[in-house]
Amino acid sequence: NNLGTSYERLGRLPEAVAVYRKGLAADFNQPTLHYNLGVALKKTGLLAEAQGEFTQALRVRPGWTEALNNLGVVLQLQGRAQEALRAFLQVLRAQPDNAQAFNNVGVAYAQLGRSAEATQAYREALRRDLAYYQAEANLAALLESEKRYGEALDLYKRETGRYPSSSD
């Protein structure tokens, strides 16, 4: 596992994938190896395979929030927002103060065209972490798409003040 992680950190994803698979051949019920393989596969764009690895990690270690979150992300990337939403909501049941999960819920709701719920989820993420740049940017973009330009502008100004390189 450490060797695979080292390869992954070096950007040598094919080697990392091979090491994780070799480890799973020796011990298929090792959730961390499934998780790490899922992350590496996600990085290489093999989303369906990554989904399978996160799912297997959860079979071996039910309720693992990091695996649930990553499962939701790969589902979202595959255009399966409703399934992703279910995964993110499971994370929130286990960790009700998880700002990242609220942001991810917001993205899923936005993909489903449920902008009021997306707005609420982004605001919940920001309530838990006032400096959560991604939730702030997602909320501003959603408000702008709804022609709520004043509210979006206020968020963009706040964001630009905190992160001067984000002024594009």
N, C-alpha and C. Protein backbone atom coordinates (compact mmCIF):
# COMPACT_ATOMS: atom_id res chain seq x y z
N ASN A 1 0.82 -1.19 0.00
CA ASN A 1 0.00 0.00 0.00
C ASN A 1 0.86 1.26 0.00
N ASN A 2 1.94 1.28 0.82
CA ASN A 2 2.82 2.44 0.87
C ASN A 2 3.53 2.65 -0.46
N LEU A 3 3.92 1.56 -1.11
CA LEU A 3 4.58 1.67 -2.41
C LEU A 3 3.61 2.27 -3.44
N GLY A 4 2.39 1.80 -3.44
CA GLY A 4 1.39 2.34 -4.36
C GLY A 4 1.14 3.81 -4.11
N THR A 5 1.04 4.18 -2.84
CA THR A 5 0.83 5.58 -2.48
C THR A 5 2.00 6.44 -2.93
N SER A 6 3.21 5.93 -2.79
CA SER A 6 4.39 6.67 -3.24
C SER A 6 4.36 6.86 -4.76
N TYR A 7 4.05 5.81 -5.48
CA TYR A 7 3.93 5.95 -6.94
C TYR A 7 2.85 6.98 -7.30
N GLU A 8 1.76 6.92 -6.59
CA GLU A 8 0.65 7.85 -6.87
C GLU A 8 1.08 9.30 -6.64
N ARG A 9 1.78 9.54 -5.55
CA ARG A 9 2.26 10.90 -5.24
C ARG A 9 3.24 11.40 -6.29
N LEU A 10 3.96 10.49 -6.89
CA LEU A 10 4.90 10.87 -7.95
C LEU A 10 4.22 11.01 -9.31
N GLY A 11 2.92 10.75 -9.34
CA GLY A 11 2.19 10.83 -10.61
C GLY A 11 2.37 9.61 -11.49
N ARG A 12 2.91 8.57 -10.93
CA ARG A 12 3.13 7.33 -11.67
C ARG A 12 1.94 6.40 -11.43
N LEU A 13 0.82 6.81 -12.00
CA LEU A 13 -0.45 6.12 -11.72
C LEU A 13 -0.50 4.68 -12.22
N PRO A 14 0.02 4.38 -13.41
CA PRO A 14 -0.02 2.96 -13.83
C PRO A 14 0.70 2.03 -12.85
N GLU A 15 1.84 2.49 -12.32
CA GLU A 15 2.56 1.67 -11.35
C GLU A 15 1.76 1.56 -10.05
N ALA A 16 1.14 2.66 -9.62
CA ALA A 16 0.33 2.63 -8.40
C ALA A 16 -0.82 1.64 -8.56
N VAL A 17 -1.50 1.69 -9.69
CA VAL A 17 -2.61 0.78 -9.95
C VAL A 17 -2.12 -0.67 -9.90
N ALA A 18 -0.99 -0.92 -10.51
CA ALA A 18 -0.45 -2.29 -10.53
C ALA A 18 -0.13 -2.77 -9.11
N VAL A 19 0.46 -1.91 -8.30
CA VAL A 19 0.82 -2.29 -6.93
C VAL A 19 -0.45 -2.56 -6.11
N TYR A 20 -1.45 -1.69 -6.24
CA TYR A 20 -2.69 -1.90 -5.49
C TYR A 20 -3.37 -3.21 -5.92
N ARG A 21 -3.36 -3.48 -7.22
CA ARG A 21 -3.99 -4.73 -7.70
C ARG A 21 -3.23 -5.95 -7.19
N LYS A 22 -1.93 -5.85 -7.16
CA LYS A 22 -1.12 -6.96 -6.64
C LYS A 22 -1.43 -7.19 -5.16
N GLY A 23 -1.58 -6.11 -4.42
CA GLY A 23 -1.94 -6.23 -3.01
C GLY A 23 -3.30 -6.87 -2.82
N LEU A 24 -4.26 -6.50 -3.68
CA LEU A 24 -5.60 -7.07 -3.58
C LEU A 24 -5.62 -8.54 -3.98
N ALA A 25 -4.69 -8.94 -4.84
CA ALA A 25 -4.59 -10.36 -5.20
C ALA A 25 -4.18 -11.18 -3.98
N ALA A 26 -3.39 -10.56 -3.10
CA ALA A 26 -2.96 -11.24 -1.88
C ALA A 26 -4.01 -11.17 -0.78
N ASP A 27 -4.74 -10.05 -0.73
CA ASP A 27 -5.76 -9.87 0.32
C ASP A 27 -6.90 -9.03 -0.25
N PHE A 28 -7.88 -9.70 -0.82
CA PHE A 28 -8.97 -9.01 -1.51
C PHE A 28 -9.85 -8.21 -0.56
N ASN A 29 -9.86 -8.56 0.71
CA ASN A 29 -10.73 -7.88 1.67
C ASN A 29 -10.03 -6.75 2.42
N GLN A 30 -9.08 -6.11 1.78
CA GLN A 30 -8.35 -4.99 2.36
C GLN A 30 -8.99 -3.69 1.86
N PRO A 31 -9.83 -3.03 2.68
CA PRO A 31 -10.58 -1.86 2.21
C PRO A 31 -9.69 -0.69 1.77
N THR A 32 -8.57 -0.51 2.45
CA THR A 32 -7.69 0.61 2.10
C THR A 32 -7.11 0.43 0.70
N LEU A 33 -6.79 -0.80 0.34
CA LEU A 33 -6.27 -1.05 -1.01
C LEU A 33 -7.36 -0.78 -2.05
N HIS A 34 -8.58 -1.19 -1.79
CA HIS A 34 -9.68 -0.89 -2.72
C HIS A 34 -9.87 0.62 -2.85
N TYR A 35 -9.83 1.30 -1.71
CA TYR A 35 -10.00 2.75 -1.71
C TYR A 35 -8.89 3.43 -2.52
N ASN A 36 -7.64 3.08 -2.20
CA ASN A 36 -6.50 3.70 -2.89
C ASN A 36 -6.53 3.38 -4.38
N LEU A 37 -6.90 2.16 -4.73
CA LEU A 37 -7.01 1.82 -6.15
C LEU A 37 -8.11 2.65 -6.79
N GLY A 38 -9.22 2.84 -6.10
CA GLY A 38 -10.30 3.68 -6.61
C GLY A 38 -9.83 5.11 -6.88
N VAL A 39 -9.07 5.67 -5.95
CA VAL A 39 -8.56 7.03 -6.12
C VAL A 39 -7.65 7.10 -7.34
N ALA A 40 -6.74 6.14 -7.47
CA ALA A 40 -5.83 6.14 -8.62
C ALA A 40 -6.59 5.97 -9.93
N LEU A 41 -7.57 5.09 -9.95
CA LEU A 41 -8.36 4.89 -11.16
C LEU A 41 -9.17 6.15 -11.50
N LYS A 42 -9.69 6.82 -10.48
CA LYS A 42 -10.42 8.08 -10.71
C LYS A 42 -9.50 9.09 -11.37
N LYS A 43 -8.27 9.20 -10.88
CA LYS A 43 -7.30 10.15 -11.42
C LYS A 43 -6.95 9.84 -12.87
N THR A 44 -7.02 8.56 -13.25
CA THR A 44 -6.71 8.19 -14.63
C THR A 44 -7.94 8.26 -15.53
N GLY A 45 -9.10 8.58 -14.94
CA GLY A 45 -10.32 8.71 -15.73
C GLY A 45 -11.10 7.42 -15.90
N LEU A 46 -10.69 6.37 -15.24
CA LEU A 46 -11.39 5.08 -15.32
C LEU A 46 -12.47 5.06 -14.24
N LEU A 47 -13.52 5.83 -14.50
CA LEU A 47 -14.53 6.10 -13.48
C LEU A 47 -15.36 4.88 -13.10
N ALA A 48 -15.75 4.06 -14.06
CA ALA A 48 -16.55 2.88 -13.73
C ALA A 48 -15.73 1.91 -12.87
N GLU A 49 -14.45 1.77 -13.20
CA GLU A 49 -13.60 0.89 -12.39
C GLU A 49 -13.40 1.48 -10.99
N ALA A 50 -13.21 2.79 -10.92
CA ALA A 50 -13.06 3.45 -9.63
C ALA A 50 -14.31 3.25 -8.78
N GLN A 51 -15.47 3.38 -9.42
CA GLN A 51 -16.74 3.16 -8.72
C GLN A 51 -16.77 1.76 -8.12
N GLY A 52 -16.34 0.77 -8.87
CA GLY A 52 -16.32 -0.60 -8.38
C GLY A 52 -15.41 -0.77 -7.17
N GLU A 53 -14.28 -0.08 -7.19
CA GLU A 53 -13.34 -0.20 -6.05
C GLU A 53 -13.89 0.49 -4.80
N PHE A 54 -14.50 1.66 -4.96
CA PHE A 54 -15.09 2.33 -3.80
C PHE A 54 -16.25 1.49 -3.24
N THR A 55 -17.02 0.90 -4.14
CA THR A 55 -18.13 0.04 -3.71
C THR A 55 -17.60 -1.16 -2.93
N GLN A 56 -16.52 -1.76 -3.42
CA GLN A 56 -15.94 -2.91 -2.73
C GLN A 56 -15.36 -2.49 -1.38
N ALA A 57 -14.73 -1.33 -1.32
CA ALA A 57 -14.20 -0.84 -0.04
C ALA A 57 -15.34 -0.71 0.98
N LEU A 58 -16.50 -0.25 0.50
CA LEU A 58 -17.66 -0.08 1.38
C LEU A 58 -18.29 -1.42 1.78
N ARG A 59 -18.15 -2.43 0.94
CA ARG A 59 -18.65 -3.76 1.32
C ARG A 59 -17.83 -4.30 2.49
N VAL A 60 -16.53 -4.04 2.43
CA VAL A 60 -15.64 -4.55 3.47
C VAL A 60 -15.69 -3.66 4.71
N ARG A 61 -15.85 -2.37 4.49
CA ARG A 61 -15.89 -1.40 5.61
C ARG A 61 -17.10 -0.49 5.43
N PRO A 62 -18.29 -0.96 5.78
CA PRO A 62 -19.52 -0.19 5.58
C PRO A 62 -19.48 1.16 6.31
N GLY A 63 -20.04 2.16 5.66
CA GLY A 63 -20.14 3.48 6.28
C GLY A 63 -18.90 4.33 6.22
N TRP A 64 -17.85 3.86 5.57
CA TRP A 64 -16.59 4.61 5.48
C TRP A 64 -16.85 5.90 4.69
N THR A 65 -16.84 7.03 5.36
CA THR A 65 -17.28 8.27 4.73
C THR A 65 -16.37 8.73 3.58
N GLU A 66 -15.08 8.51 3.70
CA GLU A 66 -14.18 8.91 2.60
C GLU A 66 -14.49 8.12 1.33
N ALA A 67 -14.76 6.83 1.51
CA ALA A 67 -15.11 6.00 0.35
C ALA A 67 -16.48 6.39 -0.20
N LEU A 68 -17.43 6.69 0.68
CA LEU A 68 -18.75 7.14 0.23
C LEU A 68 -18.64 8.45 -0.55
N ASN A 69 -17.84 9.37 -0.04
CA ASN A 69 -17.67 10.65 -0.72
C ASN A 69 -17.07 10.45 -2.11
N ASN A 70 -16.02 9.64 -2.19
CA ASN A 70 -15.39 9.40 -3.49
C ASN A 70 -16.30 8.63 -4.43
N LEU A 71 -17.09 7.73 -3.89
CA LEU A 71 -18.08 7.03 -4.71
C LEU A 71 -19.04 8.06 -5.30
N GLY A 72 -19.52 8.98 -4.47
CA GLY A 72 -20.40 10.03 -4.96
C GLY A 72 -19.75 10.87 -6.05
N VAL A 73 -18.49 11.20 -5.88
CA VAL A 73 -17.79 12.01 -6.88
C VAL A 73 -17.72 11.27 -8.21
N VAL A 74 -17.35 10.00 -8.20
CA VAL A 74 -17.25 9.29 -9.49
C VAL A 74 -18.62 9.08 -10.12
N LEU A 75 -19.64 8.90 -9.29
CA LEU A 75 -21.00 8.81 -9.85
C LEU A 75 -21.38 10.14 -10.50
N GLN A 76 -21.07 11.23 -9.82
CA GLN A 76 -21.35 12.55 -10.36
C GLN A 76 -20.63 12.77 -11.68
N LEU A 77 -19.37 12.40 -11.73
CA LEU A 77 -18.58 12.56 -12.95
C LEU A 77 -19.12 11.72 -14.11
N GLN A 78 -19.85 10.67 -13.76
CA GLN A 78 -20.48 9.82 -14.79
C GLN A 78 -21.89 10.31 -15.14
N GLY A 79 -22.29 11.47 -14.58
CA GLY A 79 -23.61 12.00 -14.87
C GLY A 79 -24.73 11.32 -14.10
N ARG A 80 -24.40 10.68 -13.02
CA ARG A 80 -25.39 9.95 -12.22
C ARG A 80 -25.65 10.71 -10.92
N ALA A 81 -26.18 11.92 -11.07
CA ALA A 81 -26.32 12.85 -9.95
C ALA A 81 -27.22 12.32 -8.85
N GLN A 82 -28.30 11.63 -9.20
CA GLN A 82 -29.21 11.13 -8.16
C GLN A 82 -28.52 10.09 -7.28
N GLU A 83 -27.74 9.20 -7.87
CA GLU A 83 -27.00 8.21 -7.09
C GLU A 83 -25.91 8.88 -6.27
N ALA A 84 -25.26 9.88 -6.87
CA ALA A 84 -24.23 10.62 -6.15
C ALA A 84 -24.83 11.31 -4.93
N LEU A 85 -26.00 11.91 -5.12
CA LEU A 85 -26.68 12.59 -4.02
C LEU A 85 -26.92 11.63 -2.86
N ARG A 86 -27.36 10.41 -3.16
CA ARG A 86 -27.59 9.43 -2.10
C ARG A 86 -26.30 9.15 -1.31
N ALA A 87 -25.18 9.04 -2.02
CA ALA A 87 -23.91 8.78 -1.34
C ALA A 87 -23.53 9.97 -0.45
N PHE A 88 -23.67 11.19 -0.97
CA PHE A 88 -23.30 12.37 -0.19
C PHE A 88 -24.21 12.53 1.03
N LEU A 89 -25.49 12.21 0.88
CA LEU A 89 -26.41 12.30 2.01
C LEU A 89 -26.05 11.27 3.09
N GLN A 90 -25.54 10.11 2.67
CA GLN A 90 -25.07 9.11 3.65
C GLN A 90 -23.88 9.66 4.43
N VAL A 91 -22.99 10.38 3.73
CA VAL A 91 -21.86 11.00 4.43
C VAL A 91 -22.38 11.97 5.48
N LEU A 92 -23.38 12.78 5.11
CA LEU A 92 -23.92 13.76 6.05
C LEU A 92 -24.63 13.12 7.24
N ARG A 93 -25.23 11.96 7.02
CA ARG A 93 -25.86 11.27 8.16
C ARG A 93 -24.80 10.87 9.18
N ALA A 94 -23.64 10.48 8.69
CA ALA A 94 -22.56 10.07 9.58
C ALA A 94 -21.77 11.26 10.12
N GLN A 95 -21.67 12.31 9.30
CA GLN A 95 -20.88 13.49 9.67
C GLN A 95 -21.67 14.76 9.34
N PRO A 96 -22.60 15.13 10.19
CA PRO A 96 -23.50 16.25 9.87
C PRO A 96 -22.83 17.61 9.77
N ASP A 97 -21.58 17.73 10.15
CA ASP A 97 -20.87 19.00 10.02
C ASP A 97 -19.84 18.98 8.90
N ASN A 98 -19.93 18.03 7.99
CA ASN A 98 -18.96 17.88 6.91
C ASN A 98 -19.26 18.89 5.79
N ALA A 99 -18.48 19.97 5.76
CA ALA A 99 -18.70 21.03 4.78
C ALA A 99 -18.52 20.52 3.35
N GLN A 100 -17.54 19.67 3.12
CA GLN A 100 -17.32 19.13 1.78
C GLN A 100 -18.53 18.34 1.30
N ALA A 101 -19.12 17.56 2.18
CA ALA A 101 -20.30 16.78 1.80
C ALA A 101 -21.47 17.71 1.46
N PHE A 102 -21.64 18.79 2.23
CA PHE A 102 -22.69 19.75 1.89
C PHE A 102 -22.44 20.37 0.53
N ASN A 103 -21.19 20.72 0.24
CA ASN A 103 -20.87 21.27 -1.07
C ASN A 103 -21.20 20.26 -2.17
N ASN A 104 -20.83 19.02 -1.95
CA ASN A 104 -21.09 17.98 -2.94
C ASN A 104 -22.59 17.75 -3.13
N VAL A 105 -23.35 17.83 -2.04
CA VAL A 105 -24.80 17.74 -2.13
C VAL A 105 -25.32 18.89 -3.00
N GLY A 106 -24.77 20.08 -2.79
CA GLY A 106 -25.16 21.23 -3.59
C GLY A 106 -24.89 21.01 -5.07
N VAL A 107 -23.73 20.48 -5.40
CA VAL A 107 -23.40 20.21 -6.80
C VAL A 107 -24.39 19.20 -7.39
N ALA A 108 -24.70 18.15 -6.63
CA ALA A 108 -25.65 17.14 -7.11
C ALA A 108 -27.03 17.76 -7.34
N TYR A 109 -27.50 18.54 -6.37
CA TYR A 109 -28.80 19.20 -6.55
C TYR A 109 -28.78 20.13 -7.76
N ALA A 110 -27.70 20.86 -7.95
CA ALA A 110 -27.60 21.75 -9.12
C ALA A 110 -27.66 20.94 -10.41
N GLN A 111 -26.98 19.80 -10.45
CA GLN A 111 -27.03 18.95 -11.64
C GLN A 111 -28.44 18.43 -11.89
N LEU A 112 -29.20 18.25 -10.82
CA LEU A 112 -30.56 17.75 -10.95
C LEU A 112 -31.57 18.88 -11.21
N GLY A 113 -31.08 20.11 -11.30
CA GLY A 113 -31.96 21.24 -11.56
C GLY A 113 -32.73 21.70 -10.33
N ARG A 114 -32.29 21.32 -9.18
CA ARG A 114 -32.96 21.68 -7.93
C ARG A 114 -32.17 22.80 -7.26
N SER A 115 -32.25 23.99 -7.85
CA SER A 115 -31.37 25.09 -7.44
C SER A 115 -31.64 25.61 -6.03
N ALA A 116 -32.88 25.60 -5.58
CA ALA A 116 -33.16 26.06 -4.21
C ALA A 116 -32.45 25.17 -3.20
N GLU A 117 -32.51 23.86 -3.43
CA GLU A 117 -31.84 22.93 -2.52
C GLU A 117 -30.32 23.04 -2.64
N ALA A 118 -29.84 23.28 -3.86
CA ALA A 118 -28.40 23.47 -4.06
C ALA A 118 -27.92 24.69 -3.30
N THR A 119 -28.67 25.78 -3.41
CA THR A 119 -28.32 27.01 -2.70
C THR A 119 -28.25 26.76 -1.20
N GLN A 120 -29.24 26.07 -0.68
CA GLN A 120 -29.27 25.77 0.75
C GLN A 120 -28.06 24.92 1.16
N ALA A 121 -27.72 23.93 0.34
CA ALA A 121 -26.58 23.06 0.67
C ALA A 121 -25.27 23.84 0.65
N TYR A 122 -25.08 24.71 -0.35
CA TYR A 122 -23.86 25.53 -0.39
C TYR A 122 -23.79 26.44 0.84
N ARG A 123 -24.94 27.02 1.22
CA ARG A 123 -24.95 27.90 2.40
C ARG A 123 -24.63 27.10 3.67
N GLU A 124 -25.11 25.86 3.74
CA GLU A 124 -24.78 25.01 4.89
C GLU A 124 -23.28 24.70 4.92
N ALA A 125 -22.69 24.46 3.76
CA ALA A 125 -21.25 24.22 3.70
C ALA A 125 -20.49 25.44 4.22
N LEU A 126 -20.92 26.62 3.79
CA LEU A 126 -20.25 27.85 4.23
C LEU A 126 -20.51 28.15 5.70
N ARG A 127 -21.65 27.75 6.21
CA ARG A 127 -21.93 27.93 7.63
C ARG A 127 -20.97 27.11 8.47
N ARG A 128 -20.57 25.95 7.96
CA ARG A 128 -19.66 25.08 8.69
C ARG A 128 -18.20 25.45 8.46
N ASP A 129 -17.91 26.09 7.34
CA ASP A 129 -16.54 26.51 7.02
C ASP A 129 -16.62 27.80 6.21
N LEU A 130 -16.49 28.92 6.88
CA LEU A 130 -16.65 30.23 6.24
C LEU A 130 -15.64 30.48 5.12
N ALA A 131 -14.52 29.80 5.17
CA ALA A 131 -13.47 30.01 4.17
C ALA A 131 -13.47 28.93 3.09
N TYR A 132 -14.56 28.19 2.96
CA TYR A 132 -14.61 27.09 1.98
C TYR A 132 -14.81 27.69 0.59
N TYR A 133 -13.69 27.89 -0.08
CA TYR A 133 -13.67 28.56 -1.37
C TYR A 133 -14.58 27.90 -2.40
N GLN A 134 -14.52 26.58 -2.51
CA GLN A 134 -15.28 25.89 -3.56
C GLN A 134 -16.78 26.05 -3.39
N ALA A 135 -17.25 25.96 -2.15
CA ALA A 135 -18.68 26.15 -1.89
C ALA A 135 -19.09 27.58 -2.22
N GLU A 136 -18.25 28.52 -1.86
CA GLU A 136 -18.54 29.93 -2.16
C GLU A 136 -18.58 30.17 -3.66
N ALA A 137 -17.62 29.60 -4.38
CA ALA A 137 -17.59 29.76 -5.84
C ALA A 137 -18.79 29.08 -6.49
N ASN A 138 -19.15 27.89 -5.99
CA ASN A 138 -20.31 27.18 -6.54
C ASN A 138 -21.59 27.95 -6.30
N LEU A 139 -21.74 28.51 -5.10
CA LEU A 139 -22.93 29.29 -4.78
C LEU A 139 -23.00 30.54 -5.65
N ALA A 140 -21.89 31.23 -5.80
CA ALA A 140 -21.87 32.43 -6.64
C ALA A 140 -22.24 32.11 -8.08
N ALA A 141 -21.69 31.03 -8.62
CA ALA A 141 -22.00 30.64 -10.00
C ALA A 141 -23.48 30.29 -10.15
N LEU A 142 -24.04 29.60 -9.16
CA LEU A 142 -25.46 29.25 -9.20
C LEU A 142 -26.33 30.50 -9.15
N LEU A 143 -26.00 31.42 -8.25
CA LEU A 143 -26.76 32.67 -8.16
C LEU A 143 -26.68 33.45 -9.47
N GLU A 144 -25.52 33.48 -10.04
CA GLU A 144 -25.35 34.18 -11.31
C GLU A 144 -26.20 33.52 -12.41
N SER A 145 -26.22 32.20 -12.43
CA SER A 145 -27.01 31.50 -13.46
C SER A 145 -28.50 31.76 -13.29
N GLU A 146 -28.90 32.13 -12.07
CA GLU A 146 -30.30 32.46 -11.79
C GLU A 146 -30.57 33.96 -11.93
N LYS A 147 -29.59 34.69 -12.48
CA LYS A 147 -29.68 36.13 -12.68
C LYS A 147 -29.82 36.90 -11.37
N ARG A 148 -29.28 36.33 -10.30
CA ARG A 148 -29.24 36.99 -9.00
C ARG A 148 -27.86 37.64 -8.88
N TYR A 149 -27.64 38.59 -9.79
CA TYR A 149 -26.32 39.16 -9.99
C TYR A 149 -25.78 39.89 -8.76
N GLY A 150 -26.62 40.60 -8.05
CA GLY A 150 -26.16 41.32 -6.86
C GLY A 150 -25.59 40.39 -5.81
N GLU A 151 -26.33 39.31 -5.53
CA GLU A 151 -25.86 38.34 -4.54
C GLU A 151 -24.58 37.66 -5.00
N ALA A 152 -24.54 37.31 -6.29
CA ALA A 152 -23.34 36.67 -6.84
C ALA A 152 -22.15 37.62 -6.76
N LEU A 153 -22.38 38.89 -7.09
CA LEU A 153 -21.30 39.87 -7.06
C LEU A 153 -20.74 40.01 -5.65
N ASP A 154 -21.62 40.03 -4.64
CA ASP A 154 -21.15 40.12 -3.26
C ASP A 154 -20.23 38.94 -2.91
N LEU A 155 -20.62 37.76 -3.34
CA LEU A 155 -19.78 36.58 -3.07
C LEU A 155 -18.47 36.65 -3.83
N TYR A 156 -18.53 37.06 -5.10
CA TYR A 156 -17.29 37.17 -5.87
C TYR A 156 -16.34 38.20 -5.26
N LYS A 157 -16.89 39.30 -4.77
CA LYS A 157 -16.05 40.32 -4.12
C LYS A 157 -15.39 39.75 -2.87
N ARG A 158 -16.17 39.04 -2.08
CA ARG A 158 -15.62 38.45 -0.85
C ARG A 158 -14.55 37.43 -1.20
N GLU A 159 -14.85 36.61 -2.22
CA GLU A 159 -13.90 35.58 -2.66
C GLU A 159 -12.61 36.22 -3.17
N THR A 160 -12.74 37.28 -3.96
CA THR A 160 -11.57 37.95 -4.54
C THR A 160 -10.73 38.59 -3.43
N GLY A 161 -11.40 39.11 -2.41
CA GLY A 161 -10.66 39.69 -1.30
C GLY A 161 -9.83 38.67 -0.54
N ARG A 162 -10.35 37.47 -0.42
CA ARG A 162 -9.63 36.41 0.28
C ARG A 162 -8.62 35.71 -0.59
N TYR A 163 -8.97 35.56 -1.88
CA TYR A 163 -8.11 34.81 -2.81
C TYR A 163 -7.85 35.70 -4.03
N PRO A 164 -6.88 36.61 -3.95
CA PRO A 164 -6.65 37.57 -5.04
C PRO A 164 -6.43 36.93 -6.41
N SER A 165 -5.92 35.70 -6.46
CA SER A 165 -5.69 35.06 -7.76
C SER A 165 -6.98 34.57 -8.38
N SER A 166 -8.12 34.64 -7.66
CA SER A 166 -9.38 34.14 -8.20
C SER A 166 -10.19 35.25 -8.84
N SER A 167 -9.56 36.35 -9.18
CA SER A 167 -10.29 37.53 -9.66
C SER A 167 -10.67 37.47 -11.12
N ASP A 168 -10.53 36.34 -11.78
CA ASP A 168 -10.87 36.23 -13.21
C ASP A 168 -12.35 36.37 -13.45
